[in-house]
Amino acid sequence: MSKKIGLLIGGRRFDVDVEDNFAPFLEKNMAKDFNKDGNNDLKKLLHAYVRRTHELFLQEKKIEELLSKTEL
């Protein structure tokens, strides 16, 4: 099954279909970055993307550190 999640960006509505078990996680995180009930500008979208990409970068660094410790 899938669930549709929508967001208004630059006056246009964008909907994505995601798996039911992923939807609550995505909605919770989108609520941190976006106005779920109103319009979001492109600058807000870019900031959210950079913030989430930085989080991913830090996670990957941590994983690499942990893996290097287990290889000793």
PDB file of N, CA and C in Angstrom:
ATOM      1  N   MET A   1       0.841  -1.187   0.000  1.00  0.00           N
ATOM      2  CA  MET A   1       0.000   0.000   0.000  1.00  0.00           C
ATOM      3  C   MET A   1       0.883   1.246   0.000  1.00  0.00           C
ATOM      4  N   SER A   2       0.281   2.336  -0.388  1.00  0.00           N
ATOM      5  CA  SER A   2       1.022   3.593  -0.391  1.00  0.00           C
ATOM      6  C   SER A   2       0.123   4.715   0.116  1.00  0.00           C
ATOM      7  N   LYS A   3       0.770   5.774   0.532  1.00  0.00           N
ATOM      8  CA  LYS A   3       0.072   6.948   1.025  1.00  0.00           C
ATOM      9  C   LYS A   3       0.584   8.158   0.261  1.00  0.00           C
ATOM     10  N   LYS A   4      -0.312   9.063  -0.079  1.00  0.00           N
ATOM     11  CA  LYS A   4       0.057  10.273  -0.801  1.00  0.00           C
ATOM     12  C   LYS A   4       0.320  11.394   0.202  1.00  0.00           C
ATOM     13  N   ILE A   5       1.467  12.036   0.046  1.00  0.00           N
ATOM     14  CA  ILE A   5       1.844  13.160   0.892  1.00  0.00           C
ATOM     15  C   ILE A   5       2.070  14.358  -0.024  1.00  0.00           C
ATOM     16  N   GLY A   6       1.483  15.496   0.334  1.00  0.00           N
ATOM     17  CA  GLY A   6       1.581  16.679  -0.513  1.00  0.00           C
ATOM     18  C   GLY A   6       2.235  17.852   0.187  1.00  0.00           C
ATOM     19  N   LEU A   7       2.767  18.748  -0.637  1.00  0.00           N
ATOM     20  CA  LEU A   7       3.437  19.936  -0.132  1.00  0.00           C
ATOM     21  C   LEU A   7       3.284  21.037  -1.170  1.00  0.00           C
ATOM     22  N   LEU A   8       3.037  22.243  -0.696  1.00  0.00           N
ATOM     23  CA  LEU A   8       2.890  23.405  -1.564  1.00  0.00           C
ATOM     24  C   LEU A   8       4.212  24.157  -1.604  1.00  0.00           C
ATOM     25  N   ILE A   9       4.814  24.225  -2.810  1.00  0.00           N
ATOM     26  CA  ILE A   9       6.102  24.887  -2.985  1.00  0.00           C
ATOM     27  C   ILE A   9       5.987  25.866  -4.139  1.00  0.00           C
ATOM     28  N   GLY A  10       6.284  27.105  -3.864  1.00  0.00           N
ATOM     29  CA  GLY A  10       6.225  28.122  -4.904  1.00  0.00           C
ATOM     30  C   GLY A  10       4.851  28.238  -5.542  1.00  0.00           C
ATOM     31  N   GLY A  11       3.824  28.012  -4.743  1.00  0.00           N
ATOM     32  CA  GLY A  11       2.464  28.128  -5.235  1.00  0.00           C
ATOM     33  C   GLY A  11       1.952  26.920  -5.998  1.00  0.00           C
ATOM     34  N   ARG A  12       2.774  25.886  -6.109  1.00  0.00           N
ATOM     35  CA  ARG A  12       2.357  24.655  -6.793  1.00  0.00           C
ATOM     36  C   ARG A  12       2.335  23.502  -5.812  1.00  0.00           C
ATOM     37  N   ARG A  13       1.336  22.661  -5.948  1.00  0.00           N
ATOM     38  CA  ARG A  13       1.222  21.500  -5.070  1.00  0.00           C
ATOM     39  C   ARG A  13       1.950  20.307  -5.685  1.00  0.00           C
ATOM     40  N   PHE A  14       2.750  19.664  -4.857  1.00  0.00           N
ATOM     41  CA  PHE A  14       3.478  18.461  -5.273  1.00  0.00           C
ATOM     42  C   PHE A  14       3.061  17.316  -4.358  1.00  0.00           C
ATOM     43  N   ASP A  15       2.665  16.209  -4.956  1.00  0.00           N
ATOM     44  CA  ASP A  15       2.269  15.020  -4.213  1.00  0.00           C
ATOM     45  C   ASP A  15       3.214  13.879  -4.545  1.00  0.00           C
ATOM     46  N   VAL A  16       3.554  13.114  -3.526  1.00  0.00           N
ATOM     47  CA  VAL A  16       4.374  11.919  -3.717  1.00  0.00           C
ATOM     48  C   VAL A  16       3.690  10.748  -3.043  1.00  0.00           C
ATOM     49  N   ASP A  17       3.832   9.587  -3.648  1.00  0.00           N
ATOM     50  CA  ASP A  17       3.326   8.357  -3.047  1.00  0.00           C
ATOM     51  C   ASP A  17       4.481   7.665  -2.346  1.00  0.00           C
ATOM     52  N   VAL A  18       4.266   7.340  -1.075  1.00  0.00           N
ATOM     53  CA  VAL A  18       5.296   6.651  -0.295  1.00  0.00           C
ATOM     54  C   VAL A  18       4.671   5.441   0.380  1.00  0.00           C
ATOM     55  N   GLU A  19       5.507   4.516   0.795  1.00  0.00           N
ATOM     56  CA  GLU A  19       5.034   3.326   1.487  1.00  0.00           C
ATOM     57  C   GLU A  19       4.369   3.717   2.806  1.00  0.00           C
ATOM     58  N   ASP A  20       3.348   2.982   3.167  1.00  0.00           N
ATOM     59  CA  ASP A  20       2.598   3.273   4.392  1.00  0.00           C
ATOM     60  C   ASP A  20       3.491   3.322   5.626  1.00  0.00           C
ATOM     61  N   ASN A  21       4.454   2.406   5.720  1.00  0.00           N
ATOM     62  CA  ASN A  21       5.288   2.373   6.925  1.00  0.00           C
ATOM     63  C   ASN A  21       6.312   3.504   6.953  1.00  0.00           C
ATOM     64  N   PHE A  22       6.606   4.113   5.799  1.00  0.00           N
ATOM     65  CA  PHE A  22       7.538   5.237   5.724  1.00  0.00           C
ATOM     66  C   PHE A  22       6.826   6.583   5.918  1.00  0.00           C
ATOM     67  N   ALA A  23       5.545   6.637   5.616  1.00  0.00           N
ATOM     68  CA  ALA A  23       4.781   7.889   5.633  1.00  0.00           C
ATOM     69  C   ALA A  23       4.848   8.634   6.968  1.00  0.00           C
ATOM     70  N   PRO A  24       4.629   7.986   8.115  1.00  0.00           N
ATOM     71  CA  PRO A  24       4.688   8.741   9.380  1.00  0.00           C
ATOM     72  C   PRO A  24       6.061   9.365   9.634  1.00  0.00           C
ATOM     73  N   PHE A  25       7.116   8.650   9.300  1.00  0.00           N
ATOM     74  CA  PHE A  25       8.472   9.179   9.470  1.00  0.00           C
ATOM     75  C   PHE A  25       8.682  10.400   8.588  1.00  0.00           C
ATOM     76  N   LEU A  26       8.271  10.307   7.324  1.00  0.00           N
ATOM     77  CA  LEU A  26       8.425  11.414   6.392  1.00  0.00           C
ATOM     78  C   LEU A  26       7.604  12.627   6.829  1.00  0.00           C
ATOM     79  N   GLU A  27       6.362  12.395   7.225  1.00  0.00           N
ATOM     80  CA  GLU A  27       5.499  13.509   7.660  1.00  0.00           C
ATOM     81  C   GLU A  27       6.081  14.220   8.872  1.00  0.00           C
ATOM     82  N   LYS A  28       6.602  13.457   9.810  1.00  0.00           N
ATOM     83  CA  LYS A  28       7.206  14.043  11.016  1.00  0.00           C
ATOM     84  C   LYS A  28       8.404  14.914  10.646  1.00  0.00           C
ATOM     85  N   ASN A  29       9.255  14.418   9.761  1.00  0.00           N
ATOM     86  CA  ASN A  29      10.438  15.178   9.369  1.00  0.00           C
ATOM     87  C   ASN A  29      10.091  16.353   8.469  1.00  0.00           C
ATOM     88  N   MET A  30       9.104  16.207   7.614  1.00  0.00           N
ATOM     89  CA  MET A  30       8.686  17.332   6.774  1.00  0.00           C
ATOM     90  C   MET A  30       8.106  18.454   7.618  1.00  0.00           C
ATOM     91  N   ALA A  31       7.448  18.099   8.714  1.00  0.00           N
ATOM     92  CA  ALA A  31       6.867  19.110   9.598  1.00  0.00           C
ATOM     93  C   ALA A  31       7.948  19.981  10.236  1.00  0.00           C
ATOM     94  N   LYS A  32       9.158  19.431  10.379  1.00  0.00           N
ATOM     95  CA  LYS A  32      10.270  20.202  10.936  1.00  0.00           C
ATOM     96  C   LYS A  32      10.796  21.229   9.935  1.00  0.00           C
ATOM     97  N   ASP A  33      10.676  20.915   8.654  1.00  0.00           N
ATOM     98  CA  ASP A  33      11.290  21.736   7.611  1.00  0.00           C
ATOM     99  C   ASP A  33      10.322  22.640   6.862  1.00  0.00           C
ATOM    100  N   PHE A  34       9.036  22.269   6.827  1.00  0.00           N
ATOM    101  CA  PHE A  34       8.098  22.964   5.948  1.00  0.00           C
ATOM    102  C   PHE A  34       6.812  23.356   6.657  1.00  0.00           C
ATOM    103  N   ASN A  35       6.135  24.333   6.082  1.00  0.00           N
ATOM    104  CA  ASN A  35       4.791  24.696   6.501  1.00  0.00           C
ATOM    105  C   ASN A  35       3.852  23.732   5.787  1.00  0.00           C
ATOM    106  N   LYS A  36       3.310  22.777   6.518  1.00  0.00           N
ATOM    107  CA  LYS A  36       2.456  21.753   5.903  1.00  0.00           C
ATOM    108  C   LYS A  36       1.110  22.308   5.458  1.00  0.00           C
ATOM    109  N   ASP A  37       0.680  23.432   6.020  1.00  0.00           N
ATOM    110  CA  ASP A  37      -0.647  23.975   5.718  1.00  0.00           C
ATOM    111  C   ASP A  37      -0.610  25.162   4.766  1.00  0.00           C
ATOM    112  N   GLY A  38       0.565  25.592   4.371  1.00  0.00           N
ATOM    113  CA  GLY A  38       0.654  26.769   3.509  1.00  0.00           C
ATOM    114  C   GLY A  38       1.774  26.639   2.502  1.00  0.00           C
ATOM    115  N   ASN A  39       2.059  27.730   1.846  1.00  0.00           N
ATOM    116  CA  ASN A  39       3.061  27.748   0.797  1.00  0.00           C
ATOM    117  C   ASN A  39       4.477  27.800   1.379  1.00  0.00           C
ATOM    118  N   ASN A  40       5.396  27.160   0.689  1.00  0.00           N
ATOM    119  CA  ASN A  40       6.812  27.180   1.034  1.00  0.00           C
ATOM    120  C   ASN A  40       7.579  27.730  -0.169  1.00  0.00           C
ATOM    121  N   ASP A  41       8.531  28.624   0.076  1.00  0.00           N
ATOM    122  CA  ASP A  41       9.292  29.152  -1.058  1.00  0.00           C
ATOM    123  C   ASP A  41      10.467  28.235  -1.387  1.00  0.00           C
ATOM    124  N   LEU A  42      11.079  28.480  -2.523  1.00  0.00           N
ATOM    125  CA  LEU A  42      12.182  27.635  -2.981  1.00  0.00           C
ATOM    126  C   LEU A  42      13.387  27.713  -2.056  1.00  0.00           C
ATOM    127  N   LYS A  43      13.587  28.858  -1.434  1.00  0.00           N
ATOM    128  CA  LYS A  43      14.703  29.004  -0.497  1.00  0.00           C
ATOM    129  C   LYS A  43      14.542  28.044   0.684  1.00  0.00           C
ATOM    130  N   LYS A  44      13.323  27.902   1.166  1.00  0.00           N
ATOM    131  CA  LYS A  44      13.049  26.981   2.271  1.00  0.00           C
ATOM    132  C   LYS A  44      13.327  25.538   1.841  1.00  0.00           C
ATOM    133  N   LEU A  45      12.964  25.215   0.613  1.00  0.00           N
ATOM    134  CA  LEU A  45      13.229  23.874   0.079  1.00  0.00           C
ATOM    135  C   LEU A  45      14.730  23.616   0.005  1.00  0.00           C
ATOM    136  N   LEU A  46      15.478  24.584  -0.486  1.00  0.00           N
ATOM    137  CA  LEU A  46      16.929  24.434  -0.585  1.00  0.00           C
ATOM    138  C   LEU A  46      17.564  24.278   0.797  1.00  0.00           C
ATOM    139  N   HIS A  47      17.136  25.067   1.751  1.00  0.00           N
ATOM    140  CA  HIS A  47      17.671  24.961   3.118  1.00  0.00           C
ATOM    141  C   HIS A  47      17.386  23.576   3.703  1.00  0.00           C
ATOM    142  N   ALA A  48      16.193  23.073   3.492  1.00  0.00           N
ATOM    143  CA  ALA A  48      15.836  21.741   4.003  1.00  0.00           C
ATOM    144  C   ALA A  48      16.712  20.676   3.353  1.00  0.00           C
ATOM    145  N   TYR A  49      16.916  20.793   2.047  1.00  0.00           N
ATOM    146  CA  TYR A  49      17.752  19.829   1.339  1.00  0.00           C
ATOM    147  C   TYR A  49      19.185  19.843   1.881  1.00  0.00           C
ATOM    148  N   VAL A  50      19.751  21.021   2.044  1.00  0.00           N
ATOM    149  CA  VAL A  50      21.126  21.126   2.541  1.00  0.00           C
ATOM    150  C   VAL A  50      21.223  20.584   3.965  1.00  0.00           C
ATOM    151  N   ARG A  51      20.250  20.916   4.810  1.00  0.00           N
ATOM    152  CA  ARG A  51      20.252  20.439   6.196  1.00  0.00           C
ATOM    153  C   ARG A  51      20.196  18.907   6.248  1.00  0.00           C
ATOM    154  N   ARG A  52      19.304  18.311   5.465  1.00  0.00           N
ATOM    155  CA  ARG A  52      19.159  16.848   5.471  1.00  0.00           C
ATOM    156  C   ARG A  52      20.372  16.168   4.839  1.00  0.00           C
ATOM    157  N   THR A  53      20.966  16.781   3.829  1.00  0.00           N
ATOM    158  CA  THR A  53      22.162  16.211   3.220  1.00  0.00           C
ATOM    159  C   THR A  53      23.325  16.260   4.197  1.00  0.00           C
ATOM    160  N   HIS A  54      23.406  17.321   4.988  1.00  0.00           N
ATOM    161  CA  HIS A  54      24.452  17.414   6.010  1.00  0.00           C
ATOM    162  C   HIS A  54      24.256  16.328   7.070  1.00  0.00           C
ATOM    163  N   GLU A  55      23.031  16.085   7.468  1.00  0.00           N
ATOM    164  CA  GLU A  55      22.751  15.013   8.429  1.00  0.00           C
ATOM    165  C   GLU A  55      23.196  13.666   7.867  1.00  0.00           C
ATOM    166  N   LEU A  56      22.920  13.415   6.603  1.00  0.00           N
ATOM    167  CA  LEU A  56      23.335  12.176   5.954  1.00  0.00           C
ATOM    168  C   LEU A  56      24.858  12.073   5.915  1.00  0.00           C
ATOM    169  N   PHE A  57      25.526  13.170   5.604  1.00  0.00           N
ATOM    170  CA  PHE A  57      26.989  13.208   5.587  1.00  0.00           C
ATOM    171  C   PHE A  57      27.553  12.816   6.949  1.00  0.00           C
ATOM    172  N   LEU A  58      26.992  13.391   8.017  1.00  0.00           N
ATOM    173  CA  LEU A  58      27.476  13.087   9.365  1.00  0.00           C
ATOM    174  C   LEU A  58      27.217  11.629   9.724  1.00  0.00           C
ATOM    175  N   GLN A  59      26.074  11.092   9.326  1.00  0.00           N
ATOM    176  CA  GLN A  59      25.764   9.686   9.585  1.00  0.00           C
ATOM    177  C   GLN A  59      26.745   8.768   8.864  1.00  0.00           C
ATOM    178  N   GLU A  60      27.039   9.077   7.620  1.00  0.00           N
ATOM    179  CA  GLU A  60      27.971   8.250   6.852  1.00  0.00           C
ATOM    180  C   GLU A  60      29.372   8.302   7.440  1.00  0.00           C
ATOM    181  N   LYS A  61      29.776   9.499   7.917  1.00  0.00           N
ATOM    182  CA  LYS A  61      31.080   9.624   8.571  1.00  0.00           C
ATOM    183  C   LYS A  61      31.143   8.753   9.821  1.00  0.00           C
ATOM    184  N   LYS A  62      30.076   8.778  10.592  1.00  0.00           N
ATOM    185  CA  LYS A  62      30.020   7.986  11.826  1.00  0.00           C
ATOM    186  C   LYS A  62      30.065   6.489  11.508  1.00  0.00           C
ATOM    187  N   ILE A  63      29.355   6.081  10.477  1.00  0.00           N
ATOM    188  CA  ILE A  63      29.367   4.669  10.070  1.00  0.00           C
ATOM    189  C   ILE A  63      30.775   4.252   9.646  1.00  0.00           C
ATOM    190  N   GLU A  64      31.437   5.107   8.863  1.00  0.00           N
ATOM    191  CA  GLU A  64      32.804   4.809   8.436  1.00  0.00           C
ATOM    192  C   GLU A  64      33.743   4.688   9.630  1.00  0.00           C
ATOM    193  N   GLU A  65      33.580   5.571  10.618  1.00  0.00           N
ATOM    194  CA  GLU A  65      34.407   5.495  11.826  1.00  0.00           C
ATOM    195  C   GLU A  65      34.173   4.190  12.571  1.00  0.00           C
ATOM    196  N   LEU A  66      32.908   3.813  12.707  1.00  0.00           N
ATOM    197  CA  LEU A  66      32.584   2.563  13.400  1.00  0.00           C
ATOM    198  C   LEU A  66      33.125   1.351  12.647  1.00  0.00           C
ATOM    199  N   LEU A  67      33.006   1.373  11.333  1.00  0.00           N
ATOM    200  CA  LEU A  67      33.521   0.261  10.532  1.00  0.00           C
ATOM    201  C   LEU A  67      35.044   0.155  10.627  1.00  0.00           C
ATOM    202  N   SER A  68      35.705   1.294  10.629  1.00  0.00           N
ATOM    203  CA  SER A  68      37.176   1.248  10.725  1.00  0.00           C
ATOM    204  C   SER A  68      37.611   0.711  12.082  1.00  0.00           C
ATOM    205  N   LYS A  69      36.852   0.949  13.122  1.00  0.00           N
ATOM    206  CA  LYS A  69      37.173   0.420  14.447  1.00  0.00           C
ATOM    207  C   LYS A  69      36.980  -1.094  14.504  1.00  0.00           C
ATOM    208  N   THR A  70      35.990  -1.586  13.785  1.00  0.00           N
ATOM    209  CA  THR A  70      35.730  -3.040  13.817  1.00  0.00           C
ATOM    210  C   THR A  70      36.713  -3.805  12.944  1.00  0.00           C
ATOM    211  N   GLU A  71      37.392  -3.129  12.018  1.00  0.00           N
ATOM    212  CA  GLU A  71      38.360  -3.787  11.136  1.00  0.00           C
ATOM    213  C   GLU A  71      39.715  -3.964  11.798  1.00  0.00           C
ATOM    214  N   LEU A  72      39.924  -3.376  12.952  1.00  0.00           N
ATOM    215  CA  LEU A  72      41.212  -3.471  13.636  1.00  0.00           C
ATOM    216  C   LEU A  72      41.414  -4.826  14.173  1.00  0.00           C
TER     217      LEU A  72
END
